PDB file of N, CA and C in Angstrom:
ATOM      1  N   MET A   1     165.527  67.230 122.470  1.00  0.00           N
ATOM      2  CA  MET A   1     164.320  67.955 122.088  1.00  0.00           C
ATOM      3  C   MET A   1     163.291  67.868 123.212  1.00  0.00           C
ATOM      4  N   PRO A   2     162.547  68.943 123.415  1.00  0.00           N
ATOM      5  CA  PRO A   2     161.558  68.934 124.490  1.00  0.00           C
ATOM      6  C   PRO A   2     160.373  68.022 124.168  1.00  0.00           C
ATOM      7  N   ARG A   3     159.752  67.537 125.223  1.00  0.00           N
ATOM      8  CA  ARG A   3     158.552  66.715 125.082  1.00  0.00           C
ATOM      9  C   ARG A   3     157.340  67.519 125.530  1.00  0.00           C
ATOM     10  N   PHE A   4     156.228  67.260 124.866  1.00  0.00           N
ATOM     11  CA  PHE A   4     154.986  67.967 125.140  1.00  0.00           C
ATOM     12  C   PHE A   4     153.870  66.956 125.350  1.00  0.00           C
ATOM     13  N   MET A   5     153.006  67.253 126.302  1.00  0.00           N
ATOM     14  CA  MET A   5     151.818  66.443 126.548  1.00  0.00           C
ATOM     15  C   MET A   5     150.628  67.239 126.031  1.00  0.00           C
ATOM     16  N   SER A   6     149.830  66.619 125.192  1.00  0.00           N
ATOM     17  CA  SER A   6     148.576  67.256 124.800  1.00  0.00           C
ATOM     18  C   SER A   6     147.450  66.471 125.453  1.00  0.00           C
ATOM     19  N   LEU A   7     146.597  67.194 126.142  1.00  0.00           N
ATOM     20  CA  LEU A   7     145.440  66.611 126.822  1.00  0.00           C
ATOM     21  C   LEU A   7     144.199  66.992 126.033  1.00  0.00           C
ATOM     22  N   ILE A   8     143.478  65.990 125.574  1.00  0.00           N
ATOM     23  CA  ILE A   8     142.299  66.224 124.756  1.00  0.00           C
ATOM     24  C   ILE A   8     141.085  66.304 125.675  1.00  0.00           C
ATOM     25  N   ARG A   9     140.467  67.457 125.716  1.00  0.00           N
ATOM     26  CA  ARG A   9     139.316  67.680 126.588  1.00  0.00           C
ATOM     27  C   ARG A   9     138.044  67.681 125.749  1.00  0.00           C
ATOM     28  N   ILE A  10     137.050  66.939 126.237  1.00  0.00           N
ATOM     29  CA  ILE A  10     135.780  66.822 125.531  1.00  0.00           C
ATOM     30  C   ILE A  10     134.629  66.977 126.506  1.00  0.00           C
ATOM     31  N   GLU A  11     133.464  67.283 125.972  1.00  0.00           N
ATOM     32  CA  GLU A  11     132.230  67.189 126.744  1.00  0.00           C
ATOM     33  C   GLU A  11     131.739  65.772 126.497  1.00  0.00           C
ATOM     34  N   GLU A  12     131.908  64.940 127.488  1.00  0.00           N
ATOM     35  CA  GLU A  12     131.781  63.496 127.327  1.00  0.00           C
ATOM     36  C   GLU A  12     130.483  63.036 126.674  1.00  0.00           C
ATOM     37  N   ASN A  13     129.373  63.646 126.975  1.00  0.00           N
ATOM     38  CA  ASN A  13     128.088  63.193 126.437  1.00  0.00           C
ATOM     39  C   ASN A  13     127.534  64.107 125.357  1.00  0.00           C
ATOM     40  N   ALA A  14     128.363  65.005 124.819  1.00  0.00           N
ATOM     41  CA  ALA A  14     127.881  65.986 123.847  1.00  0.00           C
ATOM     42  C   ALA A  14     127.758  65.410 122.439  1.00  0.00           C
ATOM     43  N   PHE A  15     128.478  64.345 122.132  1.00  0.00           N
ATOM     44  CA  PHE A  15     128.413  63.768 120.795  1.00  0.00           C
ATOM     45  C   PHE A  15     128.757  62.289 120.865  1.00  0.00           C
ATOM     46  N   ALA A  16     128.405  61.587 119.820  1.00  0.00           N
ATOM     47  CA  ALA A  16     128.700  60.156 119.739  1.00  0.00           C
ATOM     48  C   ALA A  16     129.573  59.902 118.514  1.00  0.00           C
ATOM     49  N   MET A  17     130.475  58.950 118.625  1.00  0.00           N
ATOM     50  CA  MET A  17     131.361  58.638 117.497  1.00  0.00           C
ATOM     51  C   MET A  17     130.552  58.232 116.261  1.00  0.00           C
ATOM     52  N   GLU A  18     129.354  57.704 116.456  1.00  0.00           N
ATOM     53  CA  GLU A  18     128.518  57.322 115.330  1.00  0.00           C
ATOM     54  C   GLU A  18     128.125  58.534 114.480  1.00  0.00           C
ATOM     55  N   GLU A  19     128.208  59.734 115.069  1.00  0.00           N
ATOM     56  CA  GLU A  19     127.873  60.966 114.356  1.00  0.00           C
ATOM     57  C   GLU A  19     129.017  61.468 113.488  1.00  0.00           C
ATOM     58  N   ALA A  20     130.188  60.881 113.631  1.00  0.00           N
ATOM     59  CA  ALA A  20     131.360  61.337 112.878  1.00  0.00           C
ATOM     60  C   ALA A  20     131.197  61.012 111.394  1.00  0.00           C
ATOM     61  N   PRO A  21     131.779  61.843 110.525  1.00  0.00           N
ATOM     62  CA  PRO A  21     131.738  61.536 109.096  1.00  0.00           C
ATOM     63  C   PRO A  21     132.384  60.180 108.819  1.00  0.00           C
ATOM     64  N   ALA A  22     131.972  59.545 107.743  1.00  0.00           N
ATOM     65  CA  ALA A  22     132.453  58.203 107.405  1.00  0.00           C
ATOM     66  C   ALA A  22     133.973  58.137 107.283  1.00  0.00           C
ATOM     67  N   ASP A  23     134.600  59.219 106.839  1.00  0.00           N
ATOM     68  CA  ASP A  23     136.055  59.193 106.626  1.00  0.00           C
ATOM     69  C   ASP A  23     136.850  59.705 107.829  1.00  0.00           C
ATOM     70  N   PHE A  24     136.180  59.978 108.945  1.00  0.00           N
ATOM     71  CA  PHE A  24     136.849  60.516 110.130  1.00  0.00           C
ATOM     72  C   PHE A  24     137.985  59.604 110.596  1.00  0.00           C
ATOM     73  N   GLY A  25     137.713  58.324 110.752  1.00  0.00           N
ATOM     74  CA  GLY A  25     138.729  57.375 111.210  1.00  0.00           C
ATOM     75  C   GLY A  25     139.909  57.288 110.255  1.00  0.00           C
ATOM     76  N   GLU A  26     139.646  57.315 108.967  1.00  0.00           N
ATOM     77  CA  GLU A  26     140.723  57.257 107.972  1.00  0.00           C
ATOM     78  C   GLU A  26     141.605  58.499 108.048  1.00  0.00           C
ATOM     79  N   ARG A  27     140.980  59.663 108.185  1.00  0.00           N
ATOM     80  CA  ARG A  27     141.760  60.909 108.278  1.00  0.00           C
ATOM     81  C   ARG A  27     142.598  60.941 109.555  1.00  0.00           C
ATOM     82  N   MET A  28     142.028  60.461 110.663  1.00  0.00           N
ATOM     83  CA  MET A  28     142.763  60.418 111.930  1.00  0.00           C
ATOM     84  C   MET A  28     143.936  59.446 111.811  1.00  0.00           C
ATOM     85  N   GLU A  29     143.690  58.290 111.226  1.00  0.00           N
ATOM     86  CA  GLU A  29     144.747  57.295 111.050  1.00  0.00           C
ATOM     87  C   GLU A  29     145.880  57.844 110.183  1.00  0.00           C
ATOM     88  N   ALA A  30     145.543  58.578 109.120  1.00  0.00           N
ATOM     89  CA  ALA A  30     146.556  59.165 108.246  1.00  0.00           C
ATOM     90  C   ALA A  30     147.406  60.187 108.995  1.00  0.00           C
ATOM     91  N   LEU A  31     146.771  61.014 109.828  1.00  0.00           N
ATOM     92  CA  LEU A  31     147.520  61.998 110.613  1.00  0.00           C
ATOM     93  C   LEU A  31     148.435  61.296 111.610  1.00  0.00           C
ATOM     94  N   PHE A  32     147.929  60.277 112.294  1.00  0.00           N
ATOM     95  CA  PHE A  32     148.757  59.544 113.261  1.00  0.00           C
ATOM     96  C   PHE A  32     149.938  58.869 112.564  1.00  0.00           C
ATOM     97  N   GLU A  33     149.723  58.364 111.365  1.00  0.00           N
ATOM     98  CA  GLU A  33     150.820  57.756 110.607  1.00  0.00           C
ATOM     99  C   GLU A  33     151.865  58.812 110.253  1.00  0.00           C
ATOM    100  N   GLU A  34     151.401  59.977 109.828  1.00  0.00           N
ATOM    101  CA  GLU A  34     152.316  61.064 109.467  1.00  0.00           C
ATOM    102  C   GLU A  34     153.115  61.553 110.678  1.00  0.00           C
ATOM    103  N   ILE A  35     152.465  61.766 111.801  1.00  0.00           N
ATOM    104  CA  ILE A  35     153.153  62.282 112.985  1.00  0.00           C
ATOM    105  C   ILE A  35     154.129  61.244 113.551  1.00  0.00           C
ATOM    106  N   THR A  36     153.793  59.961 113.390  1.00  0.00           N
ATOM    107  CA  THR A  36     154.690  58.895 113.842  1.00  0.00           C
ATOM    108  C   THR A  36     155.912  58.813 112.939  1.00  0.00           C
ATOM    109  N   LYS A  37     155.698  58.867 111.622  1.00  0.00           N
ATOM    110  CA  LYS A  37     156.822  58.832 110.673  1.00  0.00           C
ATOM    111  C   LYS A  37     157.747  60.035 110.839  1.00  0.00           C
ATOM    112  N   ALA A  38     157.181  61.169 111.273  1.00  0.00           N
ATOM    113  CA  ALA A  38     157.987  62.378 111.506  1.00  0.00           C
ATOM    114  C   ALA A  38     158.823  62.261 112.775  1.00  0.00           C
ATOM    115  N   GLY A  39     158.611  61.204 113.554  1.00  0.00           N
ATOM    116  CA  GLY A  39     159.369  61.002 114.785  1.00  0.00           C
ATOM    117  C   GLY A  39     158.888  61.852 115.944  1.00  0.00           C
ATOM    118  N   VAL A  40     157.679  62.371 115.847  1.00  0.00           N
ATOM    119  CA  VAL A  40     157.139  63.278 116.857  1.00  0.00           C
ATOM    120  C   VAL A  40     156.323  62.525 117.907  1.00  0.00           C
ATOM    121  N   MET A  41     155.459  61.608 117.464  1.00  0.00           N
ATOM    122  CA  MET A  41     154.548  60.913 118.376  1.00  0.00           C
ATOM    123  C   MET A  41     155.293  59.865 119.190  1.00  0.00           C
ATOM    124  N   LEU A  42     155.241  60.005 120.500  1.00  0.00           N
ATOM    125  CA  LEU A  42     155.845  59.031 121.401  1.00  0.00           C
ATOM    126  C   LEU A  42     154.798  58.051 121.923  1.00  0.00           C
ATOM    127  N   ASP A  43     153.576  58.556 122.174  1.00  0.00           N
ATOM    128  CA  ASP A  43     152.499  57.705 122.668  1.00  0.00           C
ATOM    129  C   ASP A  43     151.191  58.470 122.557  1.00  0.00           C
ATOM    130  N   THR A  44     150.100  57.763 122.351  1.00  0.00           N
ATOM    131  CA  THR A  44     148.777  58.381 122.318  1.00  0.00           C
ATOM    132  C   THR A  44     147.722  57.332 122.626  1.00  0.00           C
ATOM    133  N   ALA A  45     146.623  57.772 123.201  1.00  0.00           N
ATOM    134  CA  ALA A  45     145.501  56.864 123.470  1.00  0.00           C
ATOM    135  C   ALA A  45     144.286  57.673 123.881  1.00  0.00           C
ATOM    136  N   GLY A  46     143.138  57.106 123.641  1.00  0.00           N
ATOM    137  CA  GLY A  46     141.902  57.641 124.175  1.00  0.00           C
ATOM    138  C   GLY A  46     141.699  57.034 125.554  1.00  0.00           C
ATOM    139  N   LEU A  47     140.817  57.620 126.330  1.00  0.00           N
ATOM    140  CA  LEU A  47     140.547  57.123 127.671  1.00  0.00           C
ATOM    141  C   LEU A  47     139.135  56.571 127.754  1.00  0.00           C
ATOM    142  N   LYS A  48     138.942  55.593 128.617  1.00  0.00           N
ATOM    143  CA  LYS A  48     137.617  55.032 128.875  1.00  0.00           C
ATOM    144  C   LYS A  48     136.730  56.132 129.460  1.00  0.00           C
ATOM    145  N   PRO A  49     135.410  55.994 129.371  1.00  0.00           N
ATOM    146  CA  PRO A  49     134.510  57.025 129.911  1.00  0.00           C
ATOM    147  C   PRO A  49     134.674  57.190 131.419  1.00  0.00           C
ATOM    148  N   THR A  50     134.286  58.366 131.916  1.00  0.00           N
ATOM    149  CA  THR A  50     134.417  58.640 133.350  1.00  0.00           C
ATOM    150  C   THR A  50     133.571  57.691 134.194  1.00  0.00           C
ATOM    151  N   SER A  51     132.562  57.074 133.604  1.00  0.00           N
ATOM    152  CA  SER A  51     131.747  56.120 134.355  1.00  0.00           C
ATOM    153  C   SER A  51     132.574  54.928 134.827  1.00  0.00           C
ATOM    154  N   GLU A  52     133.733  54.725 134.218  1.00  0.00           N
ATOM    155  CA  GLU A  52     134.616  53.634 134.609  1.00  0.00           C
ATOM    156  C   GLU A  52     135.810  54.120 135.438  1.00  0.00           C
ATOM    157  N   GLY A  53     135.825  55.398 135.786  1.00  0.00           N
ATOM    158  CA  GLY A  53     136.951  55.972 136.517  1.00  0.00           C
ATOM    159  C   GLY A  53     136.640  56.240 137.975  1.00  0.00           C
ATOM    160  N   THR A  54     137.682  56.547 138.728  1.00  0.00           N
ATOM    161  CA  THR A  54     137.578  56.928 140.135  1.00  0.00           C
ATOM    162  C   THR A  54     138.502  58.106 140.382  1.00  0.00           C
ATOM    163  N   ARG A  55     138.004  59.121 141.069  1.00  0.00           N
ATOM    164  CA  ARG A  55     138.838  60.248 141.495  1.00  0.00           C
ATOM    165  C   ARG A  55     139.284  60.007 142.922  1.00  0.00           C
ATOM    166  N   VAL A  56     140.565  60.215 143.149  1.00  0.00           N
ATOM    167  CA  VAL A  56     141.135  60.100 144.495  1.00  0.00           C
ATOM    168  C   VAL A  56     141.547  61.510 144.908  1.00  0.00           C
ATOM    169  N   THR A  57     141.025  61.978 146.027  1.00  0.00           N
ATOM    170  CA  THR A  57     141.280  63.345 146.483  1.00  0.00           C
ATOM    171  C   THR A  57     141.960  63.324 147.847  1.00  0.00           C
ATOM    172  N   TRP A  58     142.974  64.161 147.995  1.00  0.00           N
ATOM    173  CA  TRP A  58     143.656  64.364 149.267  1.00  0.00           C
ATOM    174  C   TRP A  58     143.245  65.732 149.782  1.00  0.00           C
ATOM    175  N   SER A  59     142.565  65.783 150.921  1.00  0.00           N
ATOM    176  CA  SER A  59     142.105  67.041 151.479  1.00  0.00           C
ATOM    177  C   SER A  59     141.985  66.904 152.988  1.00  0.00           C
ATOM    178  N   GLY A  60     142.504  67.887 153.717  1.00  0.00           N
ATOM    179  CA  GLY A  60     142.414  67.872 155.168  1.00  0.00           C
ATOM    180  C   GLY A  60     143.107  66.673 155.797  1.00  0.00           C
ATOM    181  N   GLY A  61     144.141  66.176 155.132  1.00  0.00           N
ATOM    182  CA  GLY A  61     144.886  65.046 155.664  1.00  0.00           C
ATOM    183  C   GLY A  61     144.208  63.696 155.462  1.00  0.00           C
ATOM    184  N   ARG A  62     143.182  63.661 154.612  1.00  0.00           N
ATOM    185  CA  ARG A  62     142.455  62.403 154.374  1.00  0.00           C
ATOM    186  C   ARG A  62     142.268  62.164 152.885  1.00  0.00           C
ATOM    187  N   LEU A  63     142.165  60.903 152.540  1.00  0.00           N
ATOM    188  CA  LEU A  63     141.861  60.499 151.169  1.00  0.00           C
ATOM    189  C   LEU A  63     140.376  60.233 151.025  1.00  0.00           C
ATOM    190  N   SER A  64     139.828  60.607 149.897  1.00  0.00           N
ATOM    191  CA  SER A  64     138.456  60.221 149.577  1.00  0.00           C
ATOM    192  C   SER A  64     138.441  59.707 148.144  1.00  0.00           C
ATOM    193  N   TYR A  65     137.490  58.837 147.857  1.00  0.00           N
ATOM    194  CA  TYR A  65     137.362  58.209 146.552  1.00  0.00           C
ATOM    195  C   TYR A  65     135.962  58.484 146.016  1.00  0.00           C
ATOM    196  N   THR A  66     135.893  58.921 144.774  1.00  0.00           N
ATOM    197  CA  THR A  66     134.615  59.171 144.128  1.00  0.00           C
ATOM    198  C   THR A  66     134.584  58.408 142.813  1.00  0.00           C
ATOM    199  N   ASP A  67     133.641  57.478 142.701  1.00  0.00           N
ATOM    200  CA  ASP A  67     133.491  56.740 141.453  1.00  0.00           C
ATOM    201  C   ASP A  67     132.727  57.586 140.440  1.00  0.00           C
ATOM    202  N   GLY A  68     133.092  57.430 139.163  1.00  0.00           N
ATOM    203  CA  GLY A  68     132.424  58.133 138.085  1.00  0.00           C
ATOM    204  C   GLY A  68     131.059  57.533 137.805  1.00  0.00           C
ATOM    205  N   PRO A  69     130.268  58.157 136.983  1.00  0.00           N
ATOM    206  CA  PRO A  69     130.644  59.304 136.155  1.00  0.00           C
ATOM    207  C   PRO A  69     130.656  60.601 136.963  1.00  0.00           C
ATOM    208  N   PHE A  70     131.386  61.575 136.456  1.00  0.00           N
ATOM    209  CA  PHE A  70     131.549  62.850 137.142  1.00  0.00           C
ATOM    210  C   PHE A  70     130.657  63.884 136.466  1.00  0.00           C
ATOM    211  N   THR A  71     129.369  63.802 136.766  1.00  0.00           N
ATOM    212  CA  THR A  71     128.371  64.628 136.081  1.00  0.00           C
ATOM    213  C   THR A  71     128.528  66.111 136.360  1.00  0.00           C
ATOM    214  N   GLU A  72     129.168  66.468 137.465  1.00  0.00           N
ATOM    215  CA  GLU A  72     129.349  67.885 137.793  1.00  0.00           C
ATOM    216  C   GLU A  72     130.445  68.533 136.958  1.00  0.00           C
ATOM    217  N   THR A  73     131.208  67.730 136.226  1.00  0.00           N
ATOM    218  CA  THR A  73     132.303  68.237 135.412  1.00  0.00           C
ATOM    219  C   THR A  73     131.841  68.386 133.980  1.00  0.00           C
ATOM    220  N   LYS A  74     131.992  69.584 133.421  1.00  0.00           N
ATOM    221  CA  LYS A  74     131.556  69.814 132.045  1.00  0.00           C
ATOM    222  C   LYS A  74     132.526  69.159 131.067  1.00  0.00           C
ATOM    223  N   GLU A  75     133.821  69.435 131.197  1.00  0.00           N
ATOM    224  CA  GLU A  75     134.816  68.853 130.301  1.00  0.00           C
ATOM    225  C   GLU A  75     135.640  67.821 131.043  1.00  0.00           C
ATOM    226  N   VAL A  76     135.991  66.750 130.346  1.00  0.00           N
ATOM    227  CA  VAL A  76     136.851  65.720 130.914  1.00  0.00           C
ATOM    228  C   VAL A  76     137.987  65.446 129.934  1.00  0.00           C
ATOM    229  N   VAL A  77     139.063  64.870 130.433  1.00  0.00           N
ATOM    230  CA  VAL A  77     140.153  64.454 129.564  1.00  0.00           C
ATOM    231  C   VAL A  77     139.711  63.176 128.872  1.00  0.00           C
ATOM    232  N   GLY A  78     139.639  63.219 127.551  1.00  0.00           N
ATOM    233  CA  GLY A  78     139.182  62.074 126.774  1.00  0.00           C
ATOM    234  C   GLY A  78     140.309  61.304 126.129  1.00  0.00           C
ATOM    235  N   GLY A  79     141.510  61.879 126.142  1.00  0.00           N
ATOM    236  CA  GLY A  79     142.664  61.220 125.546  1.00  0.00           C
ATOM    237  C   GLY A  79     143.901  62.076 125.730  1.00  0.00           C
ATOM    238  N   TYR A  80     145.023  61.555 125.264  1.00  0.00           N
ATOM    239  CA  TYR A  80     146.280  62.283 125.403  1.00  0.00           C
ATOM    240  C   TYR A  80     147.224  61.902 124.266  1.00  0.00           C
ATOM    241  N   ALA A  81     148.237  62.716 124.094  1.00  0.00           N
ATOM    242  CA  ALA A  81     149.340  62.386 123.194  1.00  0.00           C
ATOM    243  C   ALA A  81     150.616  62.910 123.824  1.00  0.00           C
ATOM    244  N   MET A  82     151.660  62.126 123.737  1.00  0.00           N
ATOM    245  CA  MET A  82     152.988  62.547 124.175  1.00  0.00           C
ATOM    246  C   MET A  82     153.812  62.751 122.901  1.00  0.00           C
ATOM    247  N   MET A  83     154.308  63.968 122.723  1.00  0.00           N
ATOM    248  CA  MET A  83     155.043  64.303 121.503  1.00  0.00           C
ATOM    249  C   MET A  83     156.418  64.854 121.843  1.00  0.00           C
ATOM    250  N   GLN A  84     157.356  64.608 120.958  1.00  0.00           N
ATOM    251  CA  GLN A  84     158.684  65.198 121.074  1.00  0.00           C
ATOM    252  C   GLN A  84     158.853  66.121 119.877  1.00  0.00           C
ATOM    253  N   CYS A  85     158.889  67.424 120.155  1.00  0.00           N
ATOM    254  CA  CYS A  85     158.909  68.440 119.105  1.00  0.00           C
ATOM    255  C   CYS A  85     160.103  69.359 119.296  1.00  0.00           C
ATOM    256  N   LYS A  86     160.484  70.046 118.232  1.00  0.00           N
ATOM    257  CA  LYS A  86     161.628  70.961 118.350  1.00  0.00           C
ATOM    258  C   LYS A  86     161.309  72.159 119.240  1.00  0.00           C
ATOM    259  N   ASP A  87     160.002  72.554 119.269  1.00  0.00           N
ATOM    260  CA  ASP A  87     159.589  73.679 120.109  1.00  0.00           C
ATOM    261  C   ASP A  87     158.074  73.668 120.272  1.00  0.00           C
ATOM    262  N   LYS A  88     157.575  74.615 121.056  1.00  0.00           N
ATOM    263  CA  LYS A  88     156.147  74.690 121.325  1.00  0.00           C
ATOM    264  C   LYS A  88     155.348  74.979 120.054  1.00  0.00           C
ATOM    265  N   ALA A  89     155.916  75.776 119.156  1.00  0.00           N
ATOM    266  CA  ALA A  89     155.222  76.105 117.908  1.00  0.00           C
ATOM    267  C   ALA A  89     154.924  74.836 117.104  1.00  0.00           C
ATOM    268  N   GLU A  90     155.872  73.911 117.054  1.00  0.00           N
ATOM    269  CA  GLU A  90     155.643  72.661 116.330  1.00  0.00           C
ATOM    270  C   GLU A  90     154.559  71.833 117.036  1.00  0.00           C
ATOM    271  N   ALA A  91     154.598  71.769 118.355  1.00  0.00           N
ATOM    272  CA  ALA A  91     153.583  71.023 119.114  1.00  0.00           C
ATOM    273  C   ALA A  91     152.196  71.613 118.859  1.00  0.00           C
ATOM    274  N   LEU A  92     152.101  72.935 118.817  1.00  0.00           N
ATOM    275  CA  LEU A  92     150.820  73.593 118.560  1.00  0.00           C
ATOM    276  C   LEU A  92     150.335  73.342 117.132  1.00  0.00           C
ATOM    277  N   GLU A  93     151.241  73.251 116.186  1.00  0.00           N
ATOM    278  CA  GLU A  93     150.861  72.959 114.804  1.00  0.00           C
ATOM    279  C   GLU A  93     150.242  71.561 114.702  1.00  0.00           C
ATOM    280  N   TRP A  94     150.842  70.576 115.378  1.00  0.00           N
ATOM    281  CA  TRP A  94     150.275  69.223 115.371  1.00  0.00           C
ATOM    282  C   TRP A  94     148.914  69.216 116.062  1.00  0.00           C
ATOM    283  N   ALA A  95     148.779  69.964 117.152  1.00  0.00           N
ATOM    284  CA  ALA A  95     147.487  70.047 117.847  1.00  0.00           C
ATOM    285  C   ALA A  95     146.430  70.652 116.930  1.00  0.00           C
ATOM    286  N   LYS A  96     146.788  71.689 116.217  1.00  0.00           N
ATOM    287  CA  LYS A  96     145.878  72.333 115.273  1.00  0.00           C
ATOM    288  C   LYS A  96     145.414  71.335 114.219  1.00  0.00           C
ATOM    289  N   ARG A  97     146.332  70.608 113.649  1.00  0.00           N
ATOM    290  CA  ARG A  97     145.988  69.637 112.610  1.00  0.00           C
ATOM    291  C   ARG A  97     145.085  68.534 113.163  1.00  0.00           C
ATOM    292  N   PHE A  98     145.347  68.100 114.405  1.00  0.00           N
ATOM    293  CA  PHE A  98     144.516  67.090 115.048  1.00  0.00           C
ATOM    294  C   PHE A  98     143.087  67.601 115.212  1.00  0.00           C
ATOM    295  N   LEU A  99     142.938  68.817 115.726  1.00  0.00           N
ATOM    296  CA  LEU A  99     141.612  69.372 115.971  1.00  0.00           C
ATOM    297  C   LEU A  99     140.837  69.595 114.676  1.00  0.00           C
ATOM    298  N   GLU A 100     141.512  70.011 113.625  1.00  0.00           N
ATOM    299  CA  GLU A 100     140.836  70.318 112.362  1.00  0.00           C
ATOM    300  C   GLU A 100     140.238  69.077 111.691  1.00  0.00           C
ATOM    301  N   ILE A 101     140.639  67.890 112.089  1.00  0.00           N
ATOM    302  CA  ILE A 101     140.076  66.652 111.548  1.00  0.00           C
ATOM    303  C   ILE A 101     138.661  66.414 112.080  1.00  0.00           C
ATOM    304  N   HIS A 102     138.357  66.944 113.265  1.00  0.00           N
ATOM    305  CA  HIS A 102     137.071  66.703 113.919  1.00  0.00           C
ATOM    306  C   HIS A 102     135.946  67.483 113.236  1.00  0.00           C
ATOM    307  N   PRO A 103     134.729  66.953 113.278  1.00  0.00           N
ATOM    308  CA  PRO A 103     133.575  67.678 112.716  1.00  0.00           C
ATOM    309  C   PRO A 103     133.424  69.042 113.387  1.00  0.00           C
ATOM    310  N   GLU A 104     133.036  70.031 112.605  1.00  0.00           N
ATOM    311  CA  GLU A 104     132.977  71.398 113.137  1.00  0.00           C
ATOM    312  C   GLU A 104     131.903  71.595 114.196  1.00  0.00           C
ATOM    313  N   GLN A 105     130.892  70.725 114.262  1.00  0.00           N
ATOM    314  CA  GLN A 105     129.859  70.877 115.284  1.00  0.00           C
ATOM    315  C   GLN A 105     130.293  70.307 116.633  1.00  0.00           C
ATOM    316  N   TRP A 106     131.426  69.606 116.700  1.00  0.00           N
ATOM    317  CA  TRP A 106     131.950  69.089 117.955  1.00  0.00           C
ATOM    318  C   TRP A 106     132.788  70.163 118.636  1.00  0.00           C
ATOM    319  N   THR A 107     132.834  70.135 119.958  1.00  0.00           N
ATOM    320  CA  THR A 107     133.741  70.995 120.706  1.00  0.00           C
ATOM    321  C   THR A 107     134.799  70.105 121.338  1.00  0.00           C
ATOM    322  N   VAL A 108     136.035  70.272 120.891  1.00  0.00           N
ATOM    323  CA  VAL A 108     137.170  69.495 121.381  1.00  0.00           C
ATOM    324  C   VAL A 108     138.280  70.497 121.691  1.00  0.00           C
ATOM    325  N   THR A 109     138.879  70.386 122.860  1.00  0.00           N
ATOM    326  CA  THR A 109     139.967  71.275 123.268  1.00  0.00           C
ATOM    327  C   THR A 109     141.233  70.450 123.435  1.00  0.00           C
ATOM    328  N   CYS A 110     142.333  70.997 122.982  1.00  0.00           N
ATOM    329  CA  CYS A 110     143.621  70.326 123.136  1.00  0.00           C
ATOM    330  C   CYS A 110     144.539  71.242 123.939  1.00  0.00           C
ATOM    331  N   GLU A 111     144.829  70.847 125.159  1.00  0.00           N
ATOM    332  CA  GLU A 111     145.739  71.599 126.026  1.00  0.00           C
ATOM    333  C   GLU A 111     147.142  71.072 125.802  1.00  0.00           C
ATOM    334  N   VAL A 112     148.061  71.927 125.376  1.00  0.00           N
ATOM    335  CA  VAL A 112     149.441  71.525 125.082  1.00  0.00           C
ATOM    336  C   VAL A 112     150.359  72.099 126.152  1.00  0.00           C
ATOM    337  N   ARG A 113     151.117  71.206 126.804  1.00  0.00           N
ATOM    338  CA  ARG A 113     152.029  71.647 127.868  1.00  0.00           C
ATOM    339  C   ARG A 113     153.354  70.920 127.734  1.00  0.00           C
ATOM    340  N   GLN A 114     154.419  71.670 127.927  1.00  0.00           N
ATOM    341  CA  GLN A 114     155.760  71.076 127.883  1.00  0.00           C
ATOM    342  C   GLN A 114     156.048  70.388 129.201  1.00  0.00           C
ATOM    343  N   LEU A 115     156.718  69.236 129.148  1.00  0.00           N
ATOM    344  CA  LEU A 115     157.104  68.532 130.346  1.00  0.00           C
ATOM    345  C   LEU A 115     158.226  69.302 131.049  1.00  0.00           C
ATOM    346  N   ASP A 116     158.191  69.357 132.339  1.00  0.00           N
ATOM    347  CA  ASP A 116     159.234  70.006 133.138  1.00  0.00           C
ATOM    348  C   ASP A 116     160.307  68.979 133.408  1.00  0.00           C
ATOM    349  N   GLU A 117     161.323  68.966 132.570  1.00  0.00           N
ATOM    350  CA  GLU A 117     162.379  67.959 132.665  1.00  0.00           C
ATOM    351  C   GLU A 117     163.703  68.579 133.112  1.00  0.00           C
ATOM    352  N   GLY A 118     163.613  69.769 133.697  1.00  0.00           N
ATOM    353  CA  GLY A 118     164.790  70.530 134.036  1.00  0.00           C
ATOM    354  C   GLY A 118     165.401  70.137 135.307  1.00  0.00           C
TER     355      GLY A 118
END
């Protein structure tokens, strides 16, 4: 079965977890339990803020390092999930269910891409 990477993109300073509904964590935990029991979830995690990250760039034959935060970037990758699904439609269905758990005033994007294992 093909594997898919979902990259969760957020506007890092647009909202705080304290603003989430009281049952947000419970609903997320229930979905993660369901996707794991279905044998789909291979790995998932949130990422530390960009203020703790470093970008390494290769350009003109040289490396450069830029410590975060990356204020010039509107959206950042805030987390990921590695899933094994029968097809892209199934991966997109799980992404849809994940996004629908979030409060409607938040903007969260989930980019779903199949791994090139050919």
